[in-house]
Amino acid sequence: MSATAAASPATGILGPQLRRLRLERALTLEALAEAVGLDKGYLSRLERGQKAPSVATLLRLAAALAVPVAQLLGEELAPDAVRVSRAARRRRSPPARGQHGVETLTRGNTPLAAFVIHLGPEFAEDGPHEHGGEEMLYVLHGTAELAFADRSLLLRAGDAAEFPGHLPHRLRRVGEPPAAVLVAVARAA
């Protein structure tokens, strides 16, 4: 996109919204383009924020995706855009003797998974963990050891660590005081 063809704020919001809504409905570019009577290349440029649609095109897109135009432009949130995990209804796995306990903070199949681990004094018996995406740990209280194949890191309250999830890693509490770690995993798309 050239500097003179910069997207307006509405176009900058429209593209990602349009793509997200299309993918949520399992529609290909071709299928949505056909449903609204647009060229597939033009629809692709709309999603990338390189084109600004006419009002008529916005109305056709909103109808095909069954959403208000305001939602396409980021002025209205989808009903499930904000998810709240209430403490009283949160799923918890209390720590068994010497083991970790887990408190789930996120719900559903979203790109972000977050939970609080109440650490036991030993590394988990099922060995190092590894997964796709990126992981971030934040020590809420206590002291934790984060171990990788070639090093261990001592993390105290307020410390954070970020690393690729595919690296085998393990956590445990260091010392007698309780320790809890906030874990957030941004899963690969």
Protein backbone atom coordinates (compact mmCIF):
# COMPACT_ATOMS: atom_id res chain seq x y z
CA MET A 1 0.00 0.00 0.00
CA SER A 2 1.40 3.40 -0.95
CA ALA A 3 1.70 6.24 1.52
CA THR A 4 -1.06 8.12 -0.34
CA ALA A 5 -3.46 5.16 -0.04
CA ALA A 6 -3.30 4.99 3.74
CA ALA A 7 -6.31 3.36 5.36
CA SER A 8 -8.77 5.42 7.37
CA PRO A 9 -9.34 4.46 11.01
CA ALA A 10 -12.59 2.72 10.04
CA THR A 11 -10.84 0.77 7.27
CA GLY A 12 -8.12 -0.26 9.71
CA ILE A 13 -10.77 -1.76 11.99
CA LEU A 14 -12.91 -3.19 9.21
CA GLY A 15 -10.22 -5.43 7.72
CA PRO A 16 -9.42 -7.51 10.82
CA GLN A 17 -13.11 -7.58 11.84
CA LEU A 18 -14.16 -8.74 8.40
CA ARG A 19 -11.52 -11.48 8.33
CA ARG A 20 -12.35 -12.64 11.88
CA LEU A 21 -16.09 -12.82 11.14
CA ARG A 22 -15.50 -14.63 7.84
CA LEU A 23 -13.24 -17.22 9.48
CA GLU A 24 -15.64 -17.70 12.44
CA ARG A 25 -18.27 -18.68 9.88
CA ALA A 26 -15.83 -20.97 8.06
CA LEU A 27 -16.22 -19.00 4.85
CA THR A 28 -13.51 -18.80 2.22
CA LEU A 29 -12.76 -15.52 0.48
CA GLU A 30 -14.41 -16.99 -2.63
CA ALA A 31 -17.59 -17.98 -0.78
CA LEU A 32 -18.06 -14.58 0.88
CA ALA A 33 -17.16 -12.71 -2.32
CA GLU A 34 -19.75 -14.72 -4.21
CA ALA A 35 -22.39 -14.19 -1.50
CA VAL A 36 -22.02 -10.40 -1.66
CA GLY A 37 -21.27 -10.08 -5.36
CA LEU A 38 -17.68 -8.89 -5.01
CA ASP A 39 -14.42 -9.83 -6.65
CA LYS A 40 -12.30 -12.13 -4.43
CA GLY A 41 -9.24 -9.86 -4.88
CA TYR A 42 -11.22 -6.79 -3.84
CA LEU A 43 -12.50 -8.60 -0.73
CA SER A 44 -8.94 -9.63 0.11
CA ARG A 45 -7.82 -5.99 -0.17
CA LEU A 46 -10.70 -4.97 2.14
CA GLU A 47 -9.50 -7.49 4.73
CA ARG A 48 -5.95 -6.14 4.50
CA GLY A 49 -7.18 -2.55 4.91
CA GLN A 50 -6.04 -1.53 1.45
CA LYS A 51 -9.50 -0.54 0.22
CA ALA A 52 -12.42 1.32 1.77
CA PRO A 53 -15.85 -0.14 0.95
CA SER A 54 -18.90 1.81 -0.16
CA VAL A 55 -21.94 1.98 2.13
CA ALA A 56 -23.73 -0.48 -0.17
CA THR A 57 -20.82 -2.94 0.15
CA LEU A 58 -20.80 -2.57 3.95
CA LEU A 59 -24.52 -3.32 4.05
CA ARG A 60 -24.11 -6.42 1.84
CA LEU A 61 -21.18 -7.68 3.95
CA ALA A 62 -23.07 -7.14 7.19
CA ALA A 63 -26.10 -8.99 5.82
CA ALA A 64 -24.01 -11.91 4.54
CA LEU A 65 -22.21 -12.22 7.89
CA ALA A 66 -25.43 -11.64 9.90
CA VAL A 67 -23.96 -8.79 11.98
CA PRO A 68 -24.77 -5.10 12.34
CA VAL A 69 -22.66 -2.70 10.26
CA ALA A 70 -21.51 -1.17 13.56
CA GLN A 71 -19.85 -4.47 14.47
CA LEU A 72 -17.93 -4.51 11.18
CA LEU A 73 -16.62 -1.05 12.01
CA GLY A 74 -15.67 -1.95 15.58
CA GLU A 75 -18.40 0.20 17.14
CA GLU A 76 -20.23 -2.75 18.64
CA LEU A 77 -18.75 -5.79 20.33
CA ALA A 78 -19.81 -9.31 19.50
CA PRO A 79 -21.69 -10.84 22.46
CA ASP A 80 -18.78 -13.18 23.23
CA ALA A 81 -15.98 -10.62 22.64
CA VAL A 82 -15.45 -10.12 26.38
CA ARG A 83 -15.40 -13.25 28.55
CA VAL A 84 -15.37 -13.00 32.34
CA SER A 85 -14.10 -15.74 34.61
CA ARG A 86 -15.81 -15.21 37.98
CA ALA A 87 -13.75 -16.33 40.96
CA ALA A 88 -16.70 -18.12 42.55
CA ARG A 89 -17.32 -20.24 39.44
CA ARG A 90 -13.72 -20.83 38.36
CA ARG A 91 -12.49 -24.39 37.91
CA ARG A 92 -9.79 -25.28 40.39
CA SER A 93 -7.70 -28.35 40.85
CA PRO A 94 -6.45 -28.07 44.44
CA PRO A 95 -2.87 -29.18 45.01
CA ALA A 96 -2.61 -32.76 46.15
CA ARG A 97 0.11 -33.50 48.66
CA GLY A 98 3.35 -32.23 47.14
CA GLN A 99 1.74 -31.61 43.73
CA HIS A 100 0.70 -28.51 41.78
CA GLY A 101 -2.82 -27.08 41.84
CA VAL A 102 -4.29 -25.32 38.82
CA GLU A 103 -6.88 -22.54 38.58
CA THR A 104 -8.21 -21.89 35.07
CA LEU A 105 -8.68 -18.21 34.16
CA THR A 106 -9.76 -18.48 30.51
CA ARG A 107 -12.57 -20.41 28.90
CA GLY A 108 -13.21 -21.80 25.46
CA ASN A 109 -10.98 -22.42 22.51
CA THR A 110 -9.33 -19.02 22.15
CA PRO A 111 -5.75 -18.20 21.16
CA LEU A 112 -5.00 -17.31 24.80
CA ALA A 113 -4.93 -19.76 27.68
CA ALA A 114 -4.28 -18.41 31.17
CA PHE A 115 -4.23 -20.04 34.57
CA VAL A 116 -2.68 -19.80 38.01
CA ILE A 117 -0.48 -22.66 39.14
CA HIS A 118 -0.14 -23.17 42.90
CA LEU A 119 3.27 -24.82 42.94
CA GLY A 120 4.24 -27.93 44.82
CA PRO A 121 7.80 -28.49 46.10
CA GLU A 122 8.71 -31.00 43.37
CA PHE A 123 8.72 -30.90 39.59
CA ALA A 124 5.62 -32.56 38.13
CA GLU A 125 6.04 -36.31 37.77
CA ASP A 126 4.87 -36.31 34.16
CA GLY A 127 8.13 -34.70 33.04
CA PRO A 128 8.86 -31.45 31.21
CA HIS A 129 5.99 -29.76 29.39
CA GLU A 130 6.07 -28.41 25.88
CA HIS A 131 3.41 -26.95 23.57
CA GLY A 132 2.94 -24.61 20.63
CA GLY A 133 2.82 -20.85 20.94
CA GLU A 134 4.52 -18.48 23.37
CA GLU A 135 4.42 -18.72 27.15
CA MET A 136 4.73 -16.05 29.81
CA LEU A 137 5.06 -16.70 33.54
CA TYR A 138 4.58 -14.13 36.30
CA VAL A 139 5.29 -15.07 39.92
CA LEU A 140 2.41 -13.84 42.05
CA HIS A 141 3.96 -14.84 45.38
CA GLY A 142 6.66 -17.10 46.70
CA THR A 143 9.70 -18.36 44.82
CA ALA A 144 9.66 -20.65 41.79
CA GLU A 145 12.26 -22.55 39.82
CA LEU A 146 11.78 -22.64 36.05
CA ALA A 147 13.94 -25.39 34.57
CA PHE A 148 14.92 -25.95 30.95
CA ALA A 149 17.21 -28.64 29.49
CA ASP A 150 20.38 -26.63 30.06
CA ARG A 151 19.53 -24.14 32.82
CA SER A 152 17.30 -23.30 35.75
CA LEU A 153 16.05 -19.86 36.68
CA LEU A 154 15.04 -18.73 40.15
CA LEU A 155 12.00 -16.43 39.96
CA ARG A 156 10.68 -14.42 42.90
CA ALA A 157 7.41 -12.53 43.39
CA GLY A 158 7.08 -9.95 40.63
CA ASP A 159 9.52 -11.69 38.27
CA ALA A 160 8.35 -12.72 34.80
CA ALA A 161 9.76 -15.02 32.13
CA GLU A 162 8.76 -15.33 28.49
CA PHE A 163 9.80 -18.14 26.13
CA PRO A 164 8.71 -20.29 23.18
CA GLY A 165 6.36 -23.00 24.45
CA HIS A 166 8.06 -25.73 22.41
CA LEU A 167 11.05 -25.62 24.77
CA PRO A 168 10.64 -28.43 27.35
CA HIS A 169 10.20 -26.75 30.74
CA ARG A 170 9.25 -27.54 34.33
CA LEU A 171 8.18 -25.54 37.40
CA ARG A 172 8.42 -26.11 41.12
CA ARG A 173 8.19 -24.16 44.36
CA VAL A 174 11.43 -23.28 46.15
CA GLY A 175 11.23 -23.12 49.93
CA GLU A 176 8.33 -23.71 52.30
CA PRO A 177 6.14 -20.62 51.72
CA PRO A 178 3.35 -21.14 49.16
CA ALA A 179 4.11 -20.04 45.62
CA ALA A 180 1.73 -19.21 42.78
CA VAL A 181 2.53 -18.38 39.17
CA LEU A 182 0.28 -16.76 36.59
CA VAL A 183 0.79 -18.55 33.27
CA ALA A 184 -0.40 -17.18 29.92
CA VAL A 185 0.03 -19.16 26.72
CA ALA A 186 -0.56 -17.49 23.37
CA ARG A 187 -1.27 -20.51 21.22
CA ALA A 188 -0.08 -20.68 17.65
CA ALA A 189 -2.83 -19.87 15.14
